């Protein structure tokens, strides 16, 4: 019986996702995030699905029908741990290239 409800829920999600369109910048943002993700190649497909769902959720919450690169970034930030998210937001807001580079190096060392 549980499988029946899961199928129904999956059908609702796929209908909702079908109503959304993706612009080219959003698609490029997903591709870039995957290229830079420090995960095994076998997990890239799963990560793509998670990023796609997160971006679509941001788009739907905003009441829009087109997923943008900003939605991808907001979805990515929403899926990060709070401490990492605050470091990323701080580095981006200061617009200091050295601070961004330092954060990138720090995150690479944490792998």
N, C-alpha and C. Protein backbone atom coordinates (compact mmCIF):
# COMPACT_ATOMS: atom_id res chain seq x y z
N UNK A 1 0.82 -1.20 0.00
CA UNK A 1 0.00 0.00 0.00
C UNK A 1 0.86 1.26 0.00
N UNK A 2 1.97 1.22 0.70
CA UNK A 2 2.87 2.35 0.74
C UNK A 2 3.42 2.68 -0.64
N UNK A 3 3.69 1.67 -1.44
CA UNK A 3 4.20 1.89 -2.79
C UNK A 3 3.20 2.66 -3.64
N UNK A 4 1.90 2.43 -3.41
CA UNK A 4 0.87 3.14 -4.16
C UNK A 4 0.97 4.64 -3.91
N UNK A 5 1.09 5.03 -2.65
CA UNK A 5 1.17 6.46 -2.31
C UNK A 5 2.46 7.08 -2.82
N UNK A 6 3.54 6.33 -2.78
CA UNK A 6 4.80 6.84 -3.29
C UNK A 6 4.71 7.11 -4.79
N UNK A 7 4.04 6.24 -5.53
CA UNK A 7 3.88 6.45 -6.98
C UNK A 7 3.06 7.69 -7.24
N UNK A 8 2.00 7.88 -6.45
CA UNK A 8 1.15 9.05 -6.62
C UNK A 8 1.94 10.33 -6.34
N UNK A 9 2.72 10.31 -5.28
CA UNK A 9 3.53 11.47 -4.93
C UNK A 9 4.57 11.75 -6.01
N UNK A 10 5.19 10.71 -6.53
CA UNK A 10 6.19 10.87 -7.59
C UNK A 10 5.56 11.47 -8.85
N UNK A 11 4.32 11.08 -9.14
CA UNK A 11 3.63 11.62 -10.30
C UNK A 11 3.35 13.11 -10.11
N UNK A 12 2.98 13.52 -8.90
CA UNK A 12 2.73 14.93 -8.63
C UNK A 12 4.00 15.75 -8.77
N UNK A 13 5.09 15.22 -8.26
CA UNK A 13 6.38 15.92 -8.35
C UNK A 13 6.80 16.06 -9.80
N UNK A 14 6.66 15.00 -10.60
CA UNK A 14 7.09 15.08 -11.99
C UNK A 14 6.21 16.03 -12.79
N UNK A 15 4.91 16.12 -12.49
CA UNK A 15 4.04 17.07 -13.18
C UNK A 15 4.45 18.50 -12.85
N UNK A 16 4.75 18.74 -11.57
CA UNK A 16 5.15 20.07 -11.14
C UNK A 16 6.47 20.46 -11.79
N UNK A 17 7.41 19.53 -11.84
CA UNK A 17 8.72 19.80 -12.44
C UNK A 17 8.60 20.02 -13.94
N UNK A 18 7.66 19.34 -14.57
CA UNK A 18 7.47 19.49 -16.01
C UNK A 18 6.98 20.89 -16.35
N UNK A 19 6.32 21.55 -15.42
CA UNK A 19 5.81 22.89 -15.67
C UNK A 19 6.93 23.94 -15.62
N UNK A 20 8.06 23.58 -15.03
CA UNK A 20 9.18 24.52 -14.93
C UNK A 20 10.09 24.39 -16.14
N UNK A 21 10.61 25.53 -16.56
CA UNK A 21 11.60 25.54 -17.64
C UNK A 21 12.94 25.98 -17.05
N UNK A 22 13.99 25.59 -17.71
CA UNK A 22 15.34 25.93 -17.27
C UNK A 22 15.99 26.82 -18.32
N UNK A 23 16.53 27.98 -17.89
CA UNK A 23 17.26 28.79 -18.86
C UNK A 23 18.69 28.25 -18.97
N UNK A 24 19.40 28.68 -19.99
CA UNK A 24 20.72 28.13 -20.28
C UNK A 24 21.73 28.43 -19.18
N UNK A 25 21.61 29.58 -18.53
CA UNK A 25 22.53 29.92 -17.45
C UNK A 25 22.34 29.00 -16.25
N UNK A 26 21.10 28.61 -15.97
CA UNK A 26 20.83 27.70 -14.86
C UNK A 26 21.43 26.32 -15.15
N UNK A 27 21.27 25.86 -16.37
CA UNK A 27 21.84 24.57 -16.76
C UNK A 27 23.37 24.62 -16.66
N UNK A 28 23.96 25.72 -17.10
CA UNK A 28 25.41 25.88 -17.02
C UNK A 28 25.87 25.93 -15.56
N UNK A 29 25.07 26.54 -14.69
CA UNK A 29 25.43 26.62 -13.27
C UNK A 29 25.43 25.23 -12.63
N UNK A 30 24.45 24.40 -13.00
CA UNK A 30 24.41 23.02 -12.49
C UNK A 30 25.65 22.26 -12.98
N UNK A 31 25.96 22.40 -14.26
CA UNK A 31 27.12 21.71 -14.83
C UNK A 31 28.42 22.15 -14.15
N UNK A 32 28.54 23.45 -13.90
CA UNK A 32 29.75 23.97 -13.25
C UNK A 32 29.85 23.47 -11.82
N UNK A 33 28.74 23.47 -11.10
CA UNK A 33 28.75 22.98 -9.72
C UNK A 33 29.17 21.52 -9.68
N UNK A 34 28.67 20.73 -10.62
CA UNK A 34 29.04 19.31 -10.67
C UNK A 34 30.52 19.12 -11.02
N UNK A 35 31.01 19.94 -11.92
CA UNK A 35 32.41 19.83 -12.32
C UNK A 35 33.34 20.14 -11.14
N UNK A 36 32.91 21.04 -10.27
CA UNK A 36 33.74 21.45 -9.14
C UNK A 36 33.47 20.66 -7.87
N UNK A 37 32.43 19.83 -7.88
CA UNK A 37 32.07 19.07 -6.68
C UNK A 37 33.12 18.00 -6.39
N UNK A 38 33.59 17.95 -5.15
CA UNK A 38 34.60 16.94 -4.79
C UNK A 38 33.95 15.60 -4.42
N UNK A 39 33.25 15.03 -5.38
CA UNK A 39 32.57 13.75 -5.14
C UNK A 39 32.96 12.76 -6.24
N UNK A 40 32.88 11.47 -5.93
CA UNK A 40 33.20 10.46 -6.96
C UNK A 40 32.26 10.58 -8.15
N UNK A 41 32.77 10.21 -9.29
CA UNK A 41 32.01 10.31 -10.54
C UNK A 41 30.69 9.55 -10.48
N UNK A 42 30.67 8.42 -9.77
CA UNK A 42 29.45 7.63 -9.66
C UNK A 42 28.33 8.36 -8.92
N UNK A 43 28.68 9.35 -8.10
CA UNK A 43 27.67 10.08 -7.33
C UNK A 43 27.17 11.33 -8.03
N UNK A 44 27.78 11.70 -9.14
CA UNK A 44 27.43 12.95 -9.82
C UNK A 44 25.96 12.98 -10.24
N UNK A 45 25.42 11.85 -10.68
CA UNK A 45 24.03 11.81 -11.12
C UNK A 45 23.09 12.10 -9.94
N UNK A 46 23.38 11.52 -8.80
CA UNK A 46 22.58 11.75 -7.61
C UNK A 46 22.68 13.21 -7.16
N UNK A 47 23.88 13.75 -7.20
CA UNK A 47 24.09 15.15 -6.82
C UNK A 47 23.34 16.07 -7.78
N UNK A 48 23.35 15.74 -9.07
CA UNK A 48 22.61 16.54 -10.06
C UNK A 48 21.12 16.56 -9.72
N UNK A 49 20.58 15.41 -9.36
CA UNK A 49 19.15 15.34 -9.00
C UNK A 49 18.86 16.20 -7.77
N UNK A 50 19.74 16.13 -6.78
CA UNK A 50 19.54 16.92 -5.56
C UNK A 50 19.61 18.41 -5.85
N UNK A 51 20.59 18.82 -6.65
CA UNK A 51 20.70 20.24 -7.01
C UNK A 51 19.51 20.71 -7.83
N UNK A 52 19.05 19.85 -8.73
CA UNK A 52 17.90 20.18 -9.56
C UNK A 52 16.66 20.37 -8.70
N UNK A 53 16.42 19.45 -7.79
CA UNK A 53 15.26 19.56 -6.90
C UNK A 53 15.34 20.82 -6.04
N UNK A 54 16.52 21.11 -5.52
CA UNK A 54 16.70 22.29 -4.67
C UNK A 54 16.44 23.57 -5.46
N UNK A 55 16.95 23.65 -6.68
CA UNK A 55 16.74 24.83 -7.52
C UNK A 55 15.26 24.98 -7.89
N UNK A 56 14.61 23.87 -8.21
CA UNK A 56 13.19 23.92 -8.56
C UNK A 56 12.35 24.33 -7.36
N UNK A 57 12.74 23.90 -6.17
CA UNK A 57 12.01 24.29 -4.97
C UNK A 57 12.11 25.80 -4.74
N UNK A 58 13.30 26.37 -4.97
CA UNK A 58 13.49 27.81 -4.82
C UNK A 58 12.63 28.56 -5.85
N UNK A 59 12.61 28.05 -7.08
CA UNK A 59 11.82 28.68 -8.14
C UNK A 59 10.34 28.66 -7.80
N UNK A 60 9.86 27.50 -7.36
CA UNK A 60 8.44 27.38 -6.99
C UNK A 60 8.09 28.27 -5.81
N UNK A 61 8.98 28.36 -4.83
CA UNK A 61 8.72 29.21 -3.67
C UNK A 61 8.63 30.68 -4.06
N UNK A 62 9.36 31.05 -5.10
CA UNK A 62 9.32 32.42 -5.60
C UNK A 62 8.13 32.66 -6.53
N UNK A 63 7.43 31.60 -6.89
CA UNK A 63 6.25 31.73 -7.75
C UNK A 63 6.57 31.95 -9.22
N UNK A 64 7.74 31.50 -9.65
CA UNK A 64 8.13 31.66 -11.05
C UNK A 64 8.07 30.32 -11.77
N UNK A 65 8.10 30.39 -13.09
CA UNK A 65 8.01 29.17 -13.91
C UNK A 65 9.33 28.82 -14.58
N UNK A 66 10.33 29.69 -14.45
CA UNK A 66 11.63 29.43 -15.08
C UNK A 66 12.72 29.39 -14.02
N UNK A 67 13.53 28.34 -14.05
CA UNK A 67 14.65 28.19 -13.13
C UNK A 67 15.81 29.02 -13.66
N UNK A 68 16.40 29.83 -12.79
CA UNK A 68 17.53 30.68 -13.18
C UNK A 68 18.79 30.23 -12.45
N UNK A 69 19.90 30.79 -12.84
CA UNK A 69 21.18 30.48 -12.18
C UNK A 69 21.13 30.91 -10.72
N UNK A 70 20.44 31.99 -10.43
CA UNK A 70 20.27 32.45 -9.04
C UNK A 70 19.53 31.39 -8.21
N UNK A 71 18.52 30.77 -8.81
CA UNK A 71 17.79 29.70 -8.12
C UNK A 71 18.70 28.52 -7.82
N UNK A 72 19.58 28.20 -8.76
CA UNK A 72 20.53 27.11 -8.56
C UNK A 72 21.44 27.45 -7.38
N UNK A 73 21.95 28.68 -7.35
CA UNK A 73 22.84 29.09 -6.26
C UNK A 73 22.11 29.08 -4.92
N UNK A 74 20.89 29.59 -4.89
CA UNK A 74 20.12 29.60 -3.64
C UNK A 74 19.81 28.18 -3.18
N UNK A 75 19.50 27.30 -4.12
CA UNK A 75 19.26 25.90 -3.78
C UNK A 75 20.52 25.23 -3.25
N UNK A 76 21.64 25.55 -3.86
CA UNK A 76 22.93 25.01 -3.41
C UNK A 76 23.25 25.50 -2.00
N UNK A 77 23.06 26.79 -1.77
CA UNK A 77 23.32 27.35 -0.44
C UNK A 77 22.39 26.74 0.61
N UNK A 78 21.15 26.53 0.24
CA UNK A 78 20.18 25.96 1.18
C UNK A 78 20.55 24.54 1.59
N UNK A 79 21.25 23.84 0.72
CA UNK A 79 21.61 22.45 1.03
C UNK A 79 22.94 22.33 1.78
N UNK A 80 23.63 23.45 1.98
CA UNK A 80 24.91 23.43 2.70
C UNK A 80 24.67 23.48 4.21
N UNK A 81 25.63 22.96 4.97
CA UNK A 81 25.56 23.14 6.42
C UNK A 81 25.63 24.64 6.75
N UNK A 82 25.00 25.05 7.84
CA UNK A 82 24.88 26.47 8.18
C UNK A 82 26.23 27.17 8.29
N UNK A 83 27.23 26.53 8.90
CA UNK A 83 28.52 27.20 9.07
C UNK A 83 29.23 27.43 7.74
N UNK A 84 29.15 26.47 6.84
CA UNK A 84 29.75 26.61 5.51
C UNK A 84 29.00 27.67 4.72
N UNK A 85 27.67 27.64 4.79
CA UNK A 85 26.85 28.62 4.07
C UNK A 85 27.20 30.04 4.51
N UNK A 86 27.36 30.26 5.80
CA UNK A 86 27.68 31.61 6.27
C UNK A 86 29.06 32.05 5.80
N UNK A 87 30.02 31.12 5.73
CA UNK A 87 31.35 31.46 5.22
C UNK A 87 31.29 31.83 3.74
N UNK A 88 30.52 31.09 2.97
CA UNK A 88 30.39 31.37 1.54
C UNK A 88 29.70 32.71 1.33
N UNK A 89 28.61 32.95 2.05
CA UNK A 89 27.89 34.22 1.89
C UNK A 89 28.77 35.40 2.28
N UNK A 90 29.53 35.25 3.35
CA UNK A 90 30.43 36.31 3.79
C UNK A 90 31.49 36.60 2.74
N UNK A 91 32.09 35.55 2.18
CA UNK A 91 33.14 35.73 1.17
C UNK A 91 32.58 36.39 -0.09
N UNK A 92 31.37 36.03 -0.47
CA UNK A 92 30.77 36.60 -1.68
C UNK A 92 30.39 38.06 -1.45
N UNK A 93 29.86 38.38 -0.29
CA UNK A 93 29.44 39.75 -0.01
C UNK A 93 30.60 40.73 0.04
N UNK A 94 31.76 40.28 0.52
CA UNK A 94 32.91 41.18 0.60
C UNK A 94 33.51 41.45 -0.78
N UNK A 95 33.25 40.57 -1.73
CA UNK A 95 33.77 40.70 -3.10
C UNK A 95 35.29 40.81 -3.12
N UNK A 96 35.92 40.17 -2.16
CA UNK A 96 37.38 40.15 -2.08
C UNK A 96 37.88 38.86 -2.70
N UNK A 97 38.57 38.93 -3.84
CA UNK A 97 39.04 37.71 -4.50
C UNK A 97 39.94 36.85 -3.60
N UNK A 98 40.75 37.49 -2.77
CA UNK A 98 41.64 36.73 -1.89
C UNK A 98 40.84 35.94 -0.86
N UNK A 99 39.77 36.54 -0.35
CA UNK A 99 38.93 35.85 0.64
C UNK A 99 38.24 34.64 0.00
N UNK A 100 37.78 34.81 -1.23
CA UNK A 100 37.18 33.68 -1.95
C UNK A 100 38.19 32.57 -2.19
N UNK A 101 39.41 32.95 -2.56
CA UNK A 101 40.47 31.96 -2.79
C UNK A 101 40.81 31.23 -1.50
N UNK A 102 40.90 31.97 -0.39
CA UNK A 102 41.19 31.35 0.90
C UNK A 102 40.11 30.36 1.30
N UNK A 103 38.86 30.73 1.07
CA UNK A 103 37.75 29.83 1.40
C UNK A 103 37.80 28.58 0.53
N UNK A 104 38.09 28.76 -0.75
CA UNK A 104 38.20 27.62 -1.66
C UNK A 104 39.30 26.66 -1.20
N UNK A 105 40.44 27.21 -0.83
CA UNK A 105 41.55 26.38 -0.34
C UNK A 105 41.17 25.66 0.95
N UNK A 106 40.48 26.36 1.85
CA UNK A 106 40.06 25.77 3.11
C UNK A 106 39.10 24.60 2.89
N UNK A 107 38.15 24.79 1.98
CA UNK A 107 37.17 23.74 1.71
C UNK A 107 37.83 22.53 1.03
N UNK A 108 38.81 22.78 0.20
CA UNK A 108 39.54 21.67 -0.45
C UNK A 108 40.31 20.84 0.57
N UNK A 109 40.87 21.49 1.57
CA UNK A 109 41.62 20.77 2.60
C UNK A 109 40.72 19.93 3.48
N UNK A 110 39.45 20.30 3.58
CA UNK A 110 38.49 19.56 4.43
C UNK A 110 38.02 18.27 3.81
N UNK A 111 38.25 18.06 2.52
CA UNK A 111 37.77 16.85 1.84
C UNK A 111 38.12 15.64 2.58
